[in-house]
All heavy atoms as atom14 arrays in JSON, in Angstrom:
{
  "sequence": "GDYASRMQGYATARQNGWMSANDIRELEDMNMLSDEEG",
  "atom14_mask": [
    [1, 1, 1, 1, 0, 0, 0, 0, 0, 0, 0, 0, 0, 0],
    [1, 1, 1, 1, 1, 1, 1, 1, 0, 0, 0, 0, 0, 0],
    [1, 1, 1, 1, 1, 1, 1, 1, 1, 1, 1, 1, 0, 0],
    [1, 1, 1, 1, 1, 0, 0, 0, 0, 0, 0, 0, 0, 0],
    [1, 1, 1, 1, 1, 1, 0, 0, 0, 0, 0, 0, 0, 0],
    [1, 1, 1, 1, 1, 1, 1, 1, 1, 1, 1, 0, 0, 0],
    [1, 1, 1, 1, 1, 1, 1, 1, 0, 0, 0, 0, 0, 0],
    [1, 1, 1, 1, 1, 1, 1, 1, 1, 0, 0, 0, 0, 0],
    [1, 1, 1, 1, 0, 0, 0, 0, 0, 0, 0, 0, 0, 0],
    [1, 1, 1, 1, 1, 1, 1, 1, 1, 1, 1, 1, 0, 0],
    [1, 1, 1, 1, 1, 0, 0, 0, 0, 0, 0, 0, 0, 0],
    [1, 1, 1, 1, 1, 1, 1, 0, 0, 0, 0, 0, 0, 0],
    [1, 1, 1, 1, 1, 0, 0, 0, 0, 0, 0, 0, 0, 0],
    [1, 1, 1, 1, 1, 1, 1, 1, 1, 1, 1, 0, 0, 0],
    [1, 1, 1, 1, 1, 1, 1, 1, 1, 0, 0, 0, 0, 0],
    [1, 1, 1, 1, 1, 1, 1, 1, 0, 0, 0, 0, 0, 0],
    [1, 1, 1, 1, 0, 0, 0, 0, 0, 0, 0, 0, 0, 0],
    [1, 1, 1, 1, 1, 1, 1, 1, 1, 1, 1, 1, 1, 1],
    [1, 1, 1, 1, 1, 1, 1, 1, 0, 0, 0, 0, 0, 0],
    [1, 1, 1, 1, 1, 1, 0, 0, 0, 0, 0, 0, 0, 0],
    [1, 1, 1, 1, 1, 0, 0, 0, 0, 0, 0, 0, 0, 0],
    [1, 1, 1, 1, 1, 1, 1, 1, 0, 0, 0, 0, 0, 0],
    [1, 1, 1, 1, 1, 1, 1, 1, 0, 0, 0, 0, 0, 0],
    [1, 1, 1, 1, 1, 1, 1, 1, 0, 0, 0, 0, 0, 0],
    [1, 1, 1, 1, 1, 1, 1, 1, 1, 1, 1, 0, 0, 0],
    [1, 1, 1, 1, 1, 1, 1, 1, 1, 0, 0, 0, 0, 0],
    [1, 1, 1, 1, 1, 1, 1, 1, 0, 0, 0, 0, 0, 0],
    [1, 1, 1, 1, 1, 1, 1, 1, 1, 0, 0, 0, 0, 0],
    [1, 1, 1, 1, 1, 1, 1, 1, 0, 0, 0, 0, 0, 0],
    [1, 1, 1, 1, 1, 1, 1, 1, 0, 0, 0, 0, 0, 0],
    [1, 1, 1, 1, 1, 1, 1, 1, 0, 0, 0, 0, 0, 0],
    [1, 1, 1, 1, 1, 1, 1, 1, 0, 0, 0, 0, 0, 0],
    [1, 1, 1, 1, 1, 1, 1, 1, 0, 0, 0, 0, 0, 0],
    [1, 1, 1, 1, 1, 1, 0, 0, 0, 0, 0, 0, 0, 0],
    [1, 1, 1, 1, 1, 1, 1, 1, 0, 0, 0, 0, 0, 0],
    [1, 1, 1, 1, 1, 1, 1, 1, 1, 0, 0, 0, 0, 0],
    [1, 1, 1, 1, 1, 1, 1, 1, 1, 0, 0, 0, 0, 0],
    [1, 1, 1, 1, 0, 0, 0, 0, 0, 0, 0, 0, 0, 0]
  ],
  "atom14_positions": [
    [[1.01, -9.18, -14.71], [2.28, -8.47, -14.65], [3.4, -9.31, -15.23], [3.17, -10.34, -15.89], [0.0, 0.0, 0.0], [0.0, 0.0, 0.0], [0.0, 0.0, 0.0], [0.0, 0.0, 0.0], [0.0, 0.0, 0.0], [0.0, 0.0, 0.0], [0.0, 0.0, 0.0], [0.0, 0.0, 0.0], [0.0, 0.0, 0.0], [0.0, 0.0, 0.0]],
    [[4.64, -8.91, -14.98], [5.77, -9.69, -15.45], [5.9, -10.97, -14.63], [5.23, -11.16, -13.61], [7.06, -8.87, -15.38], [7.35, -8.41, -13.96], [6.81, -7.35, -13.56], [8.07, -9.11, -13.25], [0.0, 0.0, 0.0], [0.0, 0.0, 0.0], [0.0, 0.0, 0.0], [0.0, 0.0, 0.0], [0.0, 0.0, 0.0], [0.0, 0.0, 0.0]],
    [[6.77, -11.87, -15.07], [6.87, -13.2, -14.46], [7.26, -13.12, -12.99], [6.67, -13.8, -12.14], [7.88, -14.04, -15.23], [7.99, -15.46, -14.74], [7.07, -16.42, -15.13], [9.03, -15.85, -13.89], [7.16, -17.73, -14.68], [9.13, -17.15, -13.44], [8.19, -18.09, -13.84], [8.27, -19.38, -13.37], [0.0, 0.0, 0.0], [0.0, 0.0, 0.0]],
    [[8.25, -12.3, -12.66], [8.7, -12.2, -11.27], [7.6, -11.67, -10.36], [7.4, -12.17, -9.24], [9.94, -11.31, -11.19], [0.0, 0.0, 0.0], [0.0, 0.0, 0.0], [0.0, 0.0, 0.0], [0.0, 0.0, 0.0], [0.0, 0.0, 0.0], [0.0, 0.0, 0.0], [0.0, 0.0, 0.0], [0.0, 0.0, 0.0], [0.0, 0.0, 0.0]],
    [[6.84, -10.68, -10.81], [5.76, -10.12, -9.99], [4.66, -11.15, -9.77], [4.11, -11.26, -8.67], [5.19, -8.87, -10.66], [6.18, -7.88, -10.82], [0.0, 0.0, 0.0], [0.0, 0.0, 0.0], [0.0, 0.0, 0.0], [0.0, 0.0, 0.0], [0.0, 0.0, 0.0], [0.0, 0.0, 0.0], [0.0, 0.0, 0.0], [0.0, 0.0, 0.0]],
    [[4.34, -11.94, -10.82], [3.3, -12.95, -10.67], [3.72, -14.04, -9.69], [2.94, -14.46, -8.83], [2.96, -13.59, -12.02], [2.37, -12.64, -13.04], [1.6, -13.38, -14.11], [2.29, -14.52, -14.66], [3.17, -14.46, -15.66], [3.49, -13.28, -16.17], [3.75, -15.55, -16.12], [0.0, 0.0, 0.0], [0.0, 0.0, 0.0], [0.0, 0.0, 0.0]],
    [[4.97, -14.5, -9.79], [5.43, -15.54, -8.89], [5.45, -15.05, -7.44], [5.13, -15.79, -6.52], [6.82, -16.02, -9.3], [6.85, -16.72, -10.64], [5.74, -18.15, -10.75], [4.48, -17.5, -11.85], [0.0, 0.0, 0.0], [0.0, 0.0, 0.0], [0.0, 0.0, 0.0], [0.0, 0.0, 0.0], [0.0, 0.0, 0.0], [0.0, 0.0, 0.0]],
    [[5.83, -13.81, -7.24], [5.83, -13.25, -5.89], [4.41, -13.18, -5.32], [4.18, -13.5, -4.16], [6.48, -11.86, -5.9], [6.61, -11.23, -4.52], [7.28, -9.88, -4.58], [7.65, -9.4, -5.66], [7.46, -9.25, -3.44], [0.0, 0.0, 0.0], [0.0, 0.0, 0.0], [0.0, 0.0, 0.0], [0.0, 0.0, 0.0], [0.0, 0.0, 0.0]],
    [[3.46, -12.79, -6.15], [2.07, -12.74, -5.7], [1.53, -14.13, -5.42], [0.8, -14.34, -4.43], [0.0, 0.0, 0.0], [0.0, 0.0, 0.0], [0.0, 0.0, 0.0], [0.0, 0.0, 0.0], [0.0, 0.0, 0.0], [0.0, 0.0, 0.0], [0.0, 0.0, 0.0], [0.0, 0.0, 0.0], [0.0, 0.0, 0.0], [0.0, 0.0, 0.0]],
    [[1.86, -15.11, -6.28], [1.4, -16.48, -6.05], [1.99, -17.03, -4.75], [1.29, -17.76, -4.01], [1.8, -17.37, -7.22], [1.09, -17.07, -8.51], [1.68, -17.34, -9.74], [-0.19, -16.5, -8.51], [1.03, -17.06, -10.93], [-0.84, -16.22, -9.7], [-0.23, -16.5, -10.91], [-0.87, -16.23, -12.08], [0.0, 0.0, 0.0], [0.0, 0.0, 0.0]],
    [[3.26, -16.74, -4.49], [3.89, -17.24, -3.27], [3.2, -16.68, -2.03], [2.95, -17.41, -1.06], [5.38, -16.88, -3.27], [0.0, 0.0, 0.0], [0.0, 0.0, 0.0], [0.0, 0.0, 0.0], [0.0, 0.0, 0.0], [0.0, 0.0, 0.0], [0.0, 0.0, 0.0], [0.0, 0.0, 0.0], [0.0, 0.0, 0.0], [0.0, 0.0, 0.0]],
    [[2.87, -15.41, -2.06], [2.16, -14.81, -0.92], [0.79, -15.45, -0.73], [0.38, -15.77, 0.39], [2.01, -13.3, -1.14], [3.31, -12.72, -1.31], [1.31, -12.64, 0.04], [0.0, 0.0, 0.0], [0.0, 0.0, 0.0], [0.0, 0.0, 0.0], [0.0, 0.0, 0.0], [0.0, 0.0, 0.0], [0.0, 0.0, 0.0], [0.0, 0.0, 0.0]],
    [[0.06, -15.65, -1.84], [-1.26, -16.26, -1.74], [-1.18, -17.71, -1.29], [-2.01, -18.18, -0.5], [-1.96, -16.18, -3.1], [0.0, 0.0, 0.0], [0.0, 0.0, 0.0], [0.0, 0.0, 0.0], [0.0, 0.0, 0.0], [0.0, 0.0, 0.0], [0.0, 0.0, 0.0], [0.0, 0.0, 0.0], [0.0, 0.0, 0.0], [0.0, 0.0, 0.0]],
    [[-0.17, -18.43, -1.75], [-0.01, -19.84, -1.38], [0.34, -19.98, 0.1], [-0.2, -20.84, 0.81], [1.08, -20.46, -2.24], [1.36, -21.93, -1.97], [0.27, -22.77, -2.55], [0.67, -24.18, -2.59], [-0.12, -25.18, -2.28], [-1.36, -24.95, -1.88], [0.29, -26.43, -2.37], [0.0, 0.0, 0.0], [0.0, 0.0, 0.0], [0.0, 0.0, 0.0]],
    [[1.22, -19.15, 0.59], [1.68, -19.25, 1.98], [0.64, -18.77, 2.98], [0.71, -19.16, 4.15], [2.97, -18.45, 2.15], [4.15, -19.02, 1.38], [5.35, -18.11, 1.43], [5.39, -17.16, 2.22], [6.34, -18.39, 0.59], [0.0, 0.0, 0.0], [0.0, 0.0, 0.0], [0.0, 0.0, 0.0], [0.0, 0.0, 0.0], [0.0, 0.0, 0.0]],
    [[-0.31, -17.98, 2.52], [-1.32, -17.47, 3.43], [-2.67, -18.2, 3.29], [-3.66, -17.78, 3.89], [-1.53, -15.98, 3.22], [-0.36, -15.17, 3.75], [-0.26, -14.87, 4.94], [0.57, -14.81, 2.85], [0.0, 0.0, 0.0], [0.0, 0.0, 0.0], [0.0, 0.0, 0.0], [0.0, 0.0, 0.0], [0.0, 0.0, 0.0], [0.0, 0.0, 0.0]],
    [[-2.69, -19.24, 2.49], [-3.82, -20.14, 2.5], [-5.04, -19.74, 1.71], [-6.1, -20.35, 1.87], [0.0, 0.0, 0.0], [0.0, 0.0, 0.0], [0.0, 0.0, 0.0], [0.0, 0.0, 0.0], [0.0, 0.0, 0.0], [0.0, 0.0, 0.0], [0.0, 0.0, 0.0], [0.0, 0.0, 0.0], [0.0, 0.0, 0.0], [0.0, 0.0, 0.0]],
    [[-4.96, -18.75, 0.83], [-6.15, -18.39, 0.07], [-6.04, -18.74, -1.41], [-6.91, -18.39, -2.2], [-6.51, -16.92, 0.25], [-5.43, -15.92, -0.07], [-4.44, -15.49, 0.76], [-5.26, -15.21, -1.3], [-3.66, -14.55, 0.12], [-4.14, -14.36, -1.14], [-5.93, -15.19, -2.52], [-3.68, -13.52, -2.14], [-5.48, -14.36, -3.52], [-4.37, -13.54, -3.32]],
    [[-4.99, -19.47, -1.81], [-4.88, -20.05, -3.14], [-4.24, -21.43, -3.03], [-3.28, -21.62, -2.28], [-4.05, -19.17, -4.09], [-4.73, -17.89, -4.54], [-3.82, -17.02, -5.84], [-4.28, -18.02, -7.25], [0.0, 0.0, 0.0], [0.0, 0.0, 0.0], [0.0, 0.0, 0.0], [0.0, 0.0, 0.0], [0.0, 0.0, 0.0], [0.0, 0.0, 0.0]],
    [[-4.78, -22.38, -3.78], [-4.2, -23.72, -3.85], [-3.28, -23.82, -5.06], [-3.2, -22.89, -5.89], [-5.31, -24.77, -3.94], [-6.0, -24.65, -5.17], [0.0, 0.0, 0.0], [0.0, 0.0, 0.0], [0.0, 0.0, 0.0], [0.0, 0.0, 0.0], [0.0, 0.0, 0.0], [0.0, 0.0, 0.0], [0.0, 0.0, 0.0], [0.0, 0.0, 0.0]],
    [[-2.61, -24.97, -5.18], [-1.74, -25.17, -6.33], [-2.53, -25.16, -7.63], [-2.1, -24.61, -8.65], [-0.97, -26.49, -6.17], [0.0, 0.0, 0.0], [0.0, 0.0, 0.0], [0.0, 0.0, 0.0], [0.0, 0.0, 0.0], [0.0, 0.0, 0.0], [0.0, 0.0, 0.0], [0.0, 0.0, 0.0], [0.0, 0.0, 0.0], [0.0, 0.0, 0.0]],
    [[-3.73, -25.74, -7.6], [-4.55, -25.76, -8.81], [-5.09, -24.38, -9.16], [-5.28, -24.06, -10.34], [-5.71, -26.74, -8.64], [-5.27, -28.18, -8.85], [-4.22, -28.43, -9.44], [-6.06, -29.12, -8.35], [0.0, 0.0, 0.0], [0.0, 0.0, 0.0], [0.0, 0.0, 0.0], [0.0, 0.0, 0.0], [0.0, 0.0, 0.0], [0.0, 0.0, 0.0]],
    [[-5.37, -23.55, -8.16], [-5.79, -22.17, -8.44], [-4.71, -21.43, -9.21], [-4.98, -20.71, -10.19], [-6.11, -21.44, -7.14], [-7.33, -22.01, -6.43], [-8.17, -22.62, -7.12], [-7.42, -21.85, -5.21], [0.0, 0.0, 0.0], [0.0, 0.0, 0.0], [0.0, 0.0, 0.0], [0.0, 0.0, 0.0], [0.0, 0.0, 0.0], [0.0, 0.0, 0.0]],
    [[-3.47, -21.63, -8.77], [-2.35, -20.95, -9.44], [-2.12, -21.54, -10.83], [-1.9, -20.81, -11.81], [-1.08, -21.07, -8.58], [-1.29, -20.37, -7.23], [0.13, -20.5, -9.3], [-0.17, -20.59, -6.24], [0.0, 0.0, 0.0], [0.0, 0.0, 0.0], [0.0, 0.0, 0.0], [0.0, 0.0, 0.0], [0.0, 0.0, 0.0], [0.0, 0.0, 0.0]],
    [[-2.19, -22.84, -10.95], [-1.96, -23.5, -12.24], [-3.05, -23.13, -13.25], [-2.78, -23.03, -14.45], [-1.89, -25.01, -12.05], [-0.71, -25.46, -11.22], [-0.74, -26.96, -10.96], [-0.44, -27.72, -12.16], [0.78, -28.07, -12.56], [1.83, -27.71, -11.83], [0.97, -28.76, -13.66], [0.0, 0.0, 0.0], [0.0, 0.0, 0.0], [0.0, 0.0, 0.0]],
    [[-4.26, -22.91, -12.77], [-5.33, -22.49, -13.68], [-5.07, -21.1, -14.23], [-5.29, -20.84, -15.42], [-6.67, -22.52, -12.95], [-7.85, -22.17, -13.85], [-9.17, -22.24, -13.12], [-9.16, -22.48, -11.9], [-10.21, -22.05, -13.77], [0.0, 0.0, 0.0], [0.0, 0.0, 0.0], [0.0, 0.0, 0.0], [0.0, 0.0, 0.0], [0.0, 0.0, 0.0]],
    [[-4.56, -20.19, -13.39], [-4.24, -18.85, -13.86], [-3.08, -18.86, -14.83], [-2.99, -17.99, -15.71], [-3.92, -17.94, -12.66], [-5.09, -17.62, -11.72], [-4.59, -16.8, -10.53], [-6.19, -16.86, -12.45], [0.0, 0.0, 0.0], [0.0, 0.0, 0.0], [0.0, 0.0, 0.0], [0.0, 0.0, 0.0], [0.0, 0.0, 0.0], [0.0, 0.0, 0.0]],
    [[-2.17, -19.82, -14.69], [-1.02, -19.92, -15.59], [-1.29, -20.84, -16.78], [-0.36, -21.17, -17.51], [0.2, -20.41, -14.8], [0.75, -19.4, -13.82], [1.29, -18.16, -14.49], [2.01, -18.28, -15.51], [0.97, -17.05, -14.02], [0.0, 0.0, 0.0], [0.0, 0.0, 0.0], [0.0, 0.0, 0.0], [0.0, 0.0, 0.0], [0.0, 0.0, 0.0]],
    [[-2.55, -21.27, -16.93], [-2.95, -22.13, -18.05], [-2.16, -23.43, -18.06], [-1.65, -23.88, -19.09], [-2.76, -21.39, -19.38], [-3.57, -22.03, -20.51], [-4.52, -22.77, -20.2], [-3.23, -21.81, -21.69], [0.0, 0.0, 0.0], [0.0, 0.0, 0.0], [0.0, 0.0, 0.0], [0.0, 0.0, 0.0], [0.0, 0.0, 0.0], [0.0, 0.0, 0.0]],
    [[-2.07, -24.07, -16.89], [-1.39, -25.35, -16.74], [-2.41, -26.41, -16.34], [-3.5, -26.11, -15.87], [-0.28, -25.25, -15.68], [0.77, -24.2, -16.0], [1.92, -23.91, -14.62], [2.75, -25.48, -14.56], [0.0, 0.0, 0.0], [0.0, 0.0, 0.0], [0.0, 0.0, 0.0], [0.0, 0.0, 0.0], [0.0, 0.0, 0.0], [0.0, 0.0, 0.0]],
    [[-2.05, -27.67, -16.53], [-2.93, -28.78, -16.19], [-3.09, -28.88, -14.67], [-2.16, -28.59, -13.91], [-2.4, -30.1, -16.75], [-2.44, -30.12, -18.27], [-3.28, -29.47, -18.89], [-1.51, -30.86, -18.87], [0.0, 0.0, 0.0], [0.0, 0.0, 0.0], [0.0, 0.0, 0.0], [0.0, 0.0, 0.0], [0.0, 0.0, 0.0], [0.0, 0.0, 0.0]],
    [[-4.27, -29.38, -14.24], [-4.56, -29.48, -12.81], [-3.86, -30.7, -12.19], [-3.6, -31.7, -12.87], [-6.06, -29.6, -12.59], [-6.89, -28.42, -13.09], [-6.6, -26.89, -12.2], [-5.56, -26.01, -13.39], [0.0, 0.0, 0.0], [0.0, 0.0, 0.0], [0.0, 0.0, 0.0], [0.0, 0.0, 0.0], [0.0, 0.0, 0.0], [0.0, 0.0, 0.0]],
    [[-3.57, -30.61, -10.92], [-3.03, -31.72, -10.14], [-4.18, -32.46, -9.47], [-5.22, -31.88, -9.14], [-2.04, -31.22, -9.09], [-0.8, -30.49, -9.61], [0.04, -29.99, -8.44], [0.03, -31.38, -10.51], [0.0, 0.0, 0.0], [0.0, 0.0, 0.0], [0.0, 0.0, 0.0], [0.0, 0.0, 0.0], [0.0, 0.0, 0.0], [0.0, 0.0, 0.0]],
    [[-3.99, -33.74, -9.23], [-5.02, -34.53, -8.56], [-5.02, -34.23, -7.07], [-4.1, -33.62, -6.52], [-4.76, -36.01, -8.82], [-3.52, -36.4, -8.24], [0.0, 0.0, 0.0], [0.0, 0.0, 0.0], [0.0, 0.0, 0.0], [0.0, 0.0, 0.0], [0.0, 0.0, 0.0], [0.0, 0.0, 0.0], [0.0, 0.0, 0.0], [0.0, 0.0, 0.0]],
    [[-6.07, -34.73, -6.39], [-6.14, -34.54, -4.94], [-5.03, -35.3, -4.22], [-4.54, -34.86, -3.18], [-7.51, -35.01, -4.42], [-8.64, -34.1, -4.9], [-8.34, -32.94, -5.25], [-9.8, -34.56, -4.94], [0.0, 0.0, 0.0], [0.0, 0.0, 0.0], [0.0, 0.0, 0.0], [0.0, 0.0, 0.0], [0.0, 0.0, 0.0], [0.0, 0.0, 0.0]],
    [[-4.64, -36.46, -4.78], [-3.55, -37.21, -4.16], [-2.23, -36.45, -4.21], [-1.37, -36.6, -3.34], [-3.38, -38.57, -4.86], [-4.51, -39.56, -4.62], [-5.74, -39.22, -5.46], [-5.62, -38.36, -6.36], [-6.82, -39.8, -5.21], [0.0, 0.0, 0.0], [0.0, 0.0, 0.0], [0.0, 0.0, 0.0], [0.0, 0.0, 0.0], [0.0, 0.0, 0.0]],
    [[-2.06, -35.64, -5.23], [-0.84, -34.83, -5.36], [-0.94, -33.5, -4.61], [-0.01, -32.69, -4.66], [-0.55, -34.56, -6.83], [-0.24, -35.81, -7.63], [-0.13, -35.53, -9.13], [-1.04, -34.89, -9.68], [0.87, -35.95, -9.73], [0.0, 0.0, 0.0], [0.0, 0.0, 0.0], [0.0, 0.0, 0.0], [0.0, 0.0, 0.0], [0.0, 0.0, 0.0]],
    [[-2.05, -33.27, -3.94], [-2.2, -32.05, -3.16], [-2.57, -30.83, -3.96], [-2.3, -29.7, -3.54], [0.0, 0.0, 0.0], [0.0, 0.0, 0.0], [0.0, 0.0, 0.0], [0.0, 0.0, 0.0], [0.0, 0.0, 0.0], [0.0, 0.0, 0.0], [0.0, 0.0, 0.0], [0.0, 0.0, 0.0], [0.0, 0.0, 0.0], [0.0, 0.0, 0.0]]
  ]
}
């Protein structure tokens, strides 16, 4: 969807524990974070 809709969906998934930061970054084609960075 558009950027605002995607961010809203990611926020809901992040706050409810079924997506990590790397899960979201992978969908947005971004580099992964290390385990030390959470």
